[in-house]
Structures are given as structure tokens and as C-alpha cells.
N, C-alpha and C. Protein backbone atom coordinates (compact mmCIF):
# COMPACT_ATOMS: atom_id res chain seq x y z
N MET A 1 13.80 21.23 -112.52
CA MET A 1 15.05 20.92 -113.20
C MET A 1 15.64 19.68 -112.54
N ILE A 2 16.25 18.83 -113.36
CA ILE A 2 16.93 17.63 -112.87
C ILE A 2 18.35 17.60 -113.41
N LEU A 3 19.16 16.74 -112.80
CA LEU A 3 20.55 16.58 -113.23
C LEU A 3 20.75 15.15 -113.70
N GLU A 4 21.18 14.98 -114.92
CA GLU A 4 21.60 13.68 -115.44
C GLU A 4 23.08 13.53 -115.10
N VAL A 5 23.44 12.41 -114.47
CA VAL A 5 24.82 12.13 -114.14
C VAL A 5 25.21 10.86 -114.89
N ALA A 6 26.14 10.98 -115.82
CA ALA A 6 26.59 9.82 -116.60
C ALA A 6 28.05 9.55 -116.30
N GLN A 7 28.34 8.32 -115.89
CA GLN A 7 29.73 7.90 -115.73
C GLN A 7 30.15 7.26 -117.04
N ILE A 8 31.19 7.81 -117.63
CA ILE A 8 31.67 7.35 -118.93
C ILE A 8 33.10 6.86 -118.78
N ASP A 9 33.30 5.58 -119.03
CA ASP A 9 34.65 5.00 -119.05
C ASP A 9 35.02 4.79 -120.50
N ILE A 10 36.16 5.37 -120.90
CA ILE A 10 36.56 5.29 -122.31
C ILE A 10 37.73 4.33 -122.49
N LYS A 11 37.93 3.96 -123.74
CA LYS A 11 39.03 3.05 -124.10
C LYS A 11 40.37 3.73 -123.89
N ALA A 12 41.34 2.95 -123.45
CA ALA A 12 42.69 3.47 -123.20
C ALA A 12 43.24 4.15 -124.44
N GLY A 13 43.89 5.28 -124.21
CA GLY A 13 44.56 6.01 -125.29
C GLY A 13 43.65 6.88 -126.14
N SER A 14 42.38 7.01 -125.78
CA SER A 14 41.46 7.78 -126.63
C SER A 14 40.99 9.09 -125.98
N ALA A 15 41.64 9.50 -124.90
CA ALA A 15 41.18 10.68 -124.15
C ALA A 15 41.12 11.94 -125.01
N ASN A 16 42.17 12.26 -125.72
CA ASN A 16 42.18 13.50 -126.51
C ASN A 16 41.10 13.51 -127.58
N ALA A 17 40.97 12.40 -128.29
CA ALA A 17 39.96 12.31 -129.33
C ALA A 17 38.55 12.35 -128.74
N PHE A 18 38.35 11.67 -127.60
CA PHE A 18 37.05 11.68 -126.93
C PHE A 18 36.68 13.11 -126.52
N GLU A 19 37.60 13.82 -125.91
CA GLU A 19 37.32 15.18 -125.45
C GLU A 19 36.99 16.10 -126.63
N THR A 20 37.68 15.93 -127.74
CA THR A 20 37.38 16.72 -128.94
C THR A 20 35.99 16.38 -129.47
N SER A 21 35.67 15.09 -129.53
CA SER A 21 34.35 14.66 -130.01
C SER A 21 33.25 15.13 -129.06
N MET A 22 33.54 15.15 -127.77
CA MET A 22 32.54 15.61 -126.81
C MET A 22 32.20 17.08 -127.02
N GLN A 23 33.17 17.88 -127.41
CA GLN A 23 32.89 19.29 -127.70
C GLN A 23 31.87 19.39 -128.84
N GLN A 24 31.99 18.53 -129.84
CA GLN A 24 31.03 18.50 -130.95
C GLN A 24 29.68 17.98 -130.47
N ALA A 25 29.70 16.96 -129.60
CA ALA A 25 28.47 16.37 -129.10
C ALA A 25 27.67 17.38 -128.26
N VAL A 26 28.35 18.25 -127.55
CA VAL A 26 27.68 19.26 -126.75
C VAL A 26 26.87 20.20 -127.64
N LEU A 27 27.35 20.47 -128.82
CA LEU A 27 26.59 21.32 -129.75
C LEU A 27 25.26 20.67 -130.09
N LEU A 28 25.22 19.34 -130.14
CA LEU A 28 23.96 18.63 -130.37
C LEU A 28 23.05 18.73 -129.15
N LEU A 29 23.64 18.54 -127.97
CA LEU A 29 22.86 18.65 -126.73
C LEU A 29 22.18 20.02 -126.63
N LYS A 30 22.91 21.05 -126.98
CA LYS A 30 22.39 22.41 -126.87
C LYS A 30 21.15 22.64 -127.74
N GLN A 31 20.96 21.80 -128.76
CA GLN A 31 19.80 21.93 -129.64
C GLN A 31 18.57 21.21 -129.09
N ALA A 32 18.75 20.39 -128.06
CA ALA A 32 17.65 19.57 -127.54
C ALA A 32 16.69 20.41 -126.69
N ARG A 33 15.42 20.17 -126.89
CA ARG A 33 14.40 20.84 -126.08
C ARG A 33 14.55 20.38 -124.63
N GLY A 34 14.54 21.32 -123.71
CA GLY A 34 14.65 21.01 -122.30
C GLY A 34 16.07 21.00 -121.77
N PHE A 35 17.06 21.15 -122.65
CA PHE A 35 18.46 21.22 -122.21
C PHE A 35 18.70 22.55 -121.51
N ARG A 36 19.44 22.51 -120.38
CA ARG A 36 19.79 23.73 -119.66
C ARG A 36 21.29 24.02 -119.73
N SER A 37 22.11 23.04 -119.34
CA SER A 37 23.56 23.24 -119.34
C SER A 37 24.23 21.89 -119.13
N CYS A 38 25.55 21.86 -119.33
CA CYS A 38 26.29 20.62 -119.08
C CYS A 38 27.73 20.93 -118.70
N GLU A 39 28.33 19.92 -118.05
CA GLU A 39 29.74 19.98 -117.66
C GLU A 39 30.33 18.60 -117.86
N LEU A 40 31.54 18.55 -118.34
CA LEU A 40 32.27 17.30 -118.46
C LEU A 40 33.43 17.35 -117.46
N LEU A 41 33.51 16.32 -116.62
CA LEU A 41 34.55 16.24 -115.60
C LEU A 41 35.41 15.02 -115.87
N ARG A 42 36.72 15.15 -115.67
CA ARG A 42 37.65 14.03 -115.85
C ARG A 42 38.15 13.59 -114.48
N SER A 43 38.14 12.29 -114.22
CA SER A 43 38.60 11.76 -112.94
C SER A 43 40.10 11.95 -112.79
N ILE A 44 40.50 12.28 -111.60
CA ILE A 44 41.92 12.36 -111.27
C ILE A 44 42.44 10.97 -110.90
N GLU A 45 41.61 10.22 -110.15
CA GLU A 45 42.06 8.91 -109.67
C GLU A 45 41.95 7.78 -110.68
N VAL A 46 40.96 7.83 -111.56
CA VAL A 46 40.71 6.72 -112.47
C VAL A 46 40.93 7.20 -113.91
N ARG A 47 42.01 6.75 -114.51
CA ARG A 47 42.33 7.13 -115.88
C ARG A 47 41.22 6.65 -116.83
N GLY A 48 40.81 7.54 -117.71
CA GLY A 48 39.80 7.19 -118.70
C GLY A 48 38.37 7.26 -118.20
N ARG A 49 38.15 7.83 -117.00
CA ARG A 49 36.80 7.96 -116.46
C ARG A 49 36.38 9.42 -116.48
N TYR A 50 35.16 9.64 -116.95
CA TYR A 50 34.58 10.98 -117.02
C TYR A 50 33.19 10.95 -116.39
N ARG A 51 32.75 12.10 -115.97
CA ARG A 51 31.36 12.28 -115.55
C ARG A 51 30.79 13.42 -116.40
N LEU A 52 29.69 13.13 -117.02
CA LEU A 52 28.96 14.15 -117.77
C LEU A 52 27.76 14.54 -116.94
N LEU A 53 27.66 15.82 -116.61
CA LEU A 53 26.55 16.35 -115.83
C LEU A 53 25.72 17.23 -116.75
N VAL A 54 24.46 16.86 -116.93
CA VAL A 54 23.58 17.60 -117.83
C VAL A 54 22.34 18.02 -117.06
N ARG A 55 22.03 19.30 -117.10
CA ARG A 55 20.81 19.82 -116.48
C ARG A 55 19.72 19.87 -117.55
N TRP A 56 18.59 19.25 -117.20
CA TRP A 56 17.42 19.19 -118.07
C TRP A 56 16.22 19.78 -117.35
N ASP A 57 15.24 20.24 -118.11
CA ASP A 57 14.00 20.72 -117.51
C ASP A 57 13.31 19.60 -116.73
N SER A 58 13.37 18.36 -117.27
CA SER A 58 12.70 17.22 -116.65
C SER A 58 13.38 15.93 -117.11
N VAL A 59 13.07 14.83 -116.43
CA VAL A 59 13.58 13.53 -116.86
C VAL A 59 13.11 13.24 -118.28
N GLU A 60 11.85 13.57 -118.56
CA GLU A 60 11.29 13.32 -119.89
C GLU A 60 12.01 14.11 -120.98
N SER A 61 12.51 15.30 -120.65
CA SER A 61 13.29 16.07 -121.64
C SER A 61 14.48 15.25 -122.12
N HIS A 62 15.08 14.50 -121.19
CA HIS A 62 16.22 13.67 -121.54
C HIS A 62 15.79 12.36 -122.18
N THR A 63 14.92 11.60 -121.48
CA THR A 63 14.61 10.24 -121.92
C THR A 63 13.69 10.18 -123.14
N THR A 64 12.65 10.97 -123.13
CA THR A 64 11.70 10.94 -124.25
C THR A 64 12.11 11.93 -125.34
N GLY A 65 12.45 13.14 -124.91
CA GLY A 65 12.80 14.16 -125.89
C GLY A 65 14.11 13.91 -126.60
N PHE A 66 15.21 13.89 -125.85
CA PHE A 66 16.53 13.77 -126.47
C PHE A 66 16.85 12.35 -126.93
N GLN A 67 16.66 11.37 -126.05
CA GLN A 67 17.09 10.00 -126.38
C GLN A 67 16.30 9.38 -127.52
N GLN A 68 15.15 9.91 -127.82
CA GLN A 68 14.35 9.37 -128.93
C GLN A 68 14.41 10.27 -130.17
N SER A 69 15.43 11.11 -130.23
CA SER A 69 15.53 12.06 -131.34
C SER A 69 16.70 11.73 -132.26
N ALA A 70 16.69 12.36 -133.42
CA ALA A 70 17.79 12.22 -134.37
C ALA A 70 19.07 12.83 -133.78
N LEU A 71 18.94 13.84 -132.94
CA LEU A 71 20.12 14.44 -132.29
C LEU A 71 20.86 13.40 -131.46
N PHE A 72 20.11 12.54 -130.74
CA PHE A 72 20.75 11.51 -129.92
C PHE A 72 21.49 10.51 -130.80
N GLN A 73 20.92 10.16 -131.94
CA GLN A 73 21.59 9.23 -132.84
C GLN A 73 22.92 9.81 -133.31
N GLN A 74 22.96 11.09 -133.61
CA GLN A 74 24.20 11.75 -134.00
C GLN A 74 25.18 11.79 -132.83
N TRP A 75 24.66 12.05 -131.62
CA TRP A 75 25.47 12.09 -130.41
C TRP A 75 26.15 10.74 -130.20
N ARG A 76 25.38 9.66 -130.31
CA ARG A 76 25.94 8.31 -130.13
C ARG A 76 26.98 7.99 -131.20
N GLU A 77 26.74 8.38 -132.43
CA GLU A 77 27.70 8.13 -133.51
C GLU A 77 29.03 8.82 -133.22
N LEU A 78 28.98 10.00 -132.66
CA LEU A 78 30.21 10.74 -132.32
C LEU A 78 30.99 10.08 -131.19
N LEU A 79 30.28 9.50 -130.20
CA LEU A 79 30.92 9.10 -128.96
C LEU A 79 31.01 7.60 -128.68
N ALA A 80 30.10 6.82 -129.18
CA ALA A 80 30.00 5.40 -128.79
C ALA A 80 31.28 4.62 -129.03
N GLY A 81 32.03 4.95 -130.04
CA GLY A 81 33.27 4.23 -130.34
C GLY A 81 34.34 4.38 -129.27
N TYR A 82 34.19 5.37 -128.40
CA TYR A 82 35.16 5.60 -127.33
C TYR A 82 34.82 4.85 -126.04
N PHE A 83 33.57 4.41 -125.91
CA PHE A 83 33.11 3.82 -124.66
C PHE A 83 33.73 2.45 -124.42
N GLU A 84 34.30 2.27 -123.23
CA GLU A 84 34.80 0.97 -122.79
C GLU A 84 33.61 0.06 -122.47
N LYS A 85 32.56 0.67 -121.91
CA LYS A 85 31.31 -0.02 -121.61
C LYS A 85 30.19 1.02 -121.67
N THR A 86 28.97 0.56 -121.67
CA THR A 86 27.84 1.47 -121.73
C THR A 86 27.86 2.40 -120.52
N PRO A 87 27.74 3.71 -120.73
CA PRO A 87 27.74 4.64 -119.61
C PRO A 87 26.62 4.34 -118.61
N ALA A 88 26.92 4.50 -117.34
CA ALA A 88 25.91 4.38 -116.29
C ALA A 88 25.29 5.76 -116.09
N VAL A 89 23.96 5.82 -116.16
CA VAL A 89 23.26 7.10 -116.11
C VAL A 89 22.23 7.09 -114.99
N GLU A 90 22.21 8.18 -114.24
CA GLU A 90 21.20 8.40 -113.19
C GLU A 90 20.63 9.79 -113.35
N HIS A 91 19.40 9.96 -112.92
CA HIS A 91 18.77 11.27 -112.89
C HIS A 91 18.61 11.67 -111.43
N MET A 92 19.04 12.87 -111.11
CA MET A 92 19.07 13.35 -109.74
C MET A 92 18.18 14.58 -109.59
N GLU A 93 17.54 14.68 -108.40
CA GLU A 93 16.77 15.86 -108.04
C GLU A 93 17.66 16.80 -107.23
N PHE A 94 17.48 18.08 -107.42
CA PHE A 94 18.20 19.07 -106.63
C PHE A 94 17.47 19.27 -105.31
N LEU A 95 18.17 19.11 -104.21
CA LEU A 95 17.60 19.37 -102.89
C LEU A 95 18.15 20.66 -102.31
N THR A 96 19.46 20.83 -102.38
CA THR A 96 20.09 22.07 -101.96
C THR A 96 21.23 22.35 -102.92
N ALA A 97 21.58 23.60 -103.03
CA ALA A 97 22.71 23.98 -103.87
C ALA A 97 23.29 25.27 -103.32
N GLU A 98 24.60 25.33 -103.31
CA GLU A 98 25.29 26.55 -102.90
C GLU A 98 26.43 26.76 -103.86
N VAL A 99 26.51 27.96 -104.39
CA VAL A 99 27.59 28.30 -105.30
C VAL A 99 28.45 29.34 -104.61
N PRO A 100 29.67 28.96 -104.22
CA PRO A 100 30.53 29.92 -103.54
C PRO A 100 30.95 31.05 -104.47
N SER A 101 31.08 32.24 -103.93
CA SER A 101 31.56 33.36 -104.75
C SER A 101 33.02 33.11 -105.10
N GLY A 102 33.40 33.49 -106.30
CA GLY A 102 34.77 33.27 -106.75
C GLY A 102 35.10 31.80 -106.90
N ALA A 103 34.12 31.00 -107.35
CA ALA A 103 34.29 29.55 -107.42
C ALA A 103 35.23 29.11 -108.53
N GLY A 104 35.67 30.00 -109.36
CA GLY A 104 36.60 29.60 -110.41
C GLY A 104 36.04 29.92 -111.79
N PRO A 105 36.72 29.43 -112.82
CA PRO A 105 36.32 29.75 -114.20
C PRO A 105 35.02 29.08 -114.57
N GLU A 106 34.36 29.64 -115.55
CA GLU A 106 33.15 29.06 -116.10
C GLU A 106 33.47 27.71 -116.74
N PRO A 107 32.54 26.75 -116.70
CA PRO A 107 32.78 25.45 -117.34
C PRO A 107 33.00 25.62 -118.83
N ALA A 108 33.88 24.83 -119.39
CA ALA A 108 34.24 24.92 -120.80
C ALA A 108 33.07 24.56 -121.71
N LEU A 109 32.16 23.68 -121.26
CA LEU A 109 31.09 23.21 -122.13
C LEU A 109 29.87 24.09 -122.10
N GLY A 110 29.76 24.98 -121.13
CA GLY A 110 28.74 26.00 -121.10
C GLY A 110 27.31 25.51 -121.10
N GLY A 111 26.40 26.42 -121.36
CA GLY A 111 24.98 26.11 -121.38
C GLY A 111 24.19 27.31 -121.82
N ARG A 112 22.91 27.22 -121.65
CA ARG A 112 22.03 28.32 -122.00
C ARG A 112 21.86 29.23 -120.80
N PRO A 113 21.75 30.52 -121.03
CA PRO A 113 21.54 31.46 -119.91
C PRO A 113 20.19 31.25 -119.26
């Protein structure tokens, strides 16, 4: 499993609409082969900056599977109009992970069990 980390900077004044559109875009992600789960985080320090964290089975699940699919085209149509600039995307390997007990509520964007 890998983690896609996308930094998304959106146009001023579009936060509410972007967040609503992202909820729709997540429904598309959930249909992609190799998708595991995702979380959308909003920066406290930088207005209009988000991080999208997506867990995939492999880099290829994201780059070849999703990005070359009709689902990705729909995803871009929903979101691209909000982007201040092209999102910066990296793929990360998990080396260690610890989930504290009582860590808080489940992420709003959810994932597959």
C-alpha cells in the first residue's frame, strides 16, 4: 500500500464550493480499482490550502489505473476550476505507523473496510 499526498491550493473565496465538490469527487475515487481510503485536510496556517491523502494498493493503481480512466476525467471536471495552481503530488511508502487509541472521530471522507 502507498500514500498519495496532494497539496491543493484553491482560489480565494471558493472553499465551501470546493469542499462540497470534493465530497462528490470522493465518490469517484471510491470506484477506482486499487483505492483504499482518503482524507482531506485543511491547513490552519495557509488559507485555501488542502492536503488530500489517498491510500492506494500501488503507485500504478493511481497513475495508470485511476489517472488514465474516465473516472479521473470526471474528477478533474469537478475540481480543476478551483485550483490556484496544479496540485503537487507525491507517492509515499509506509515505514512505520501508530494509531493512538481514542484518536478522535472517523475521517469524513471515509474509505473501504
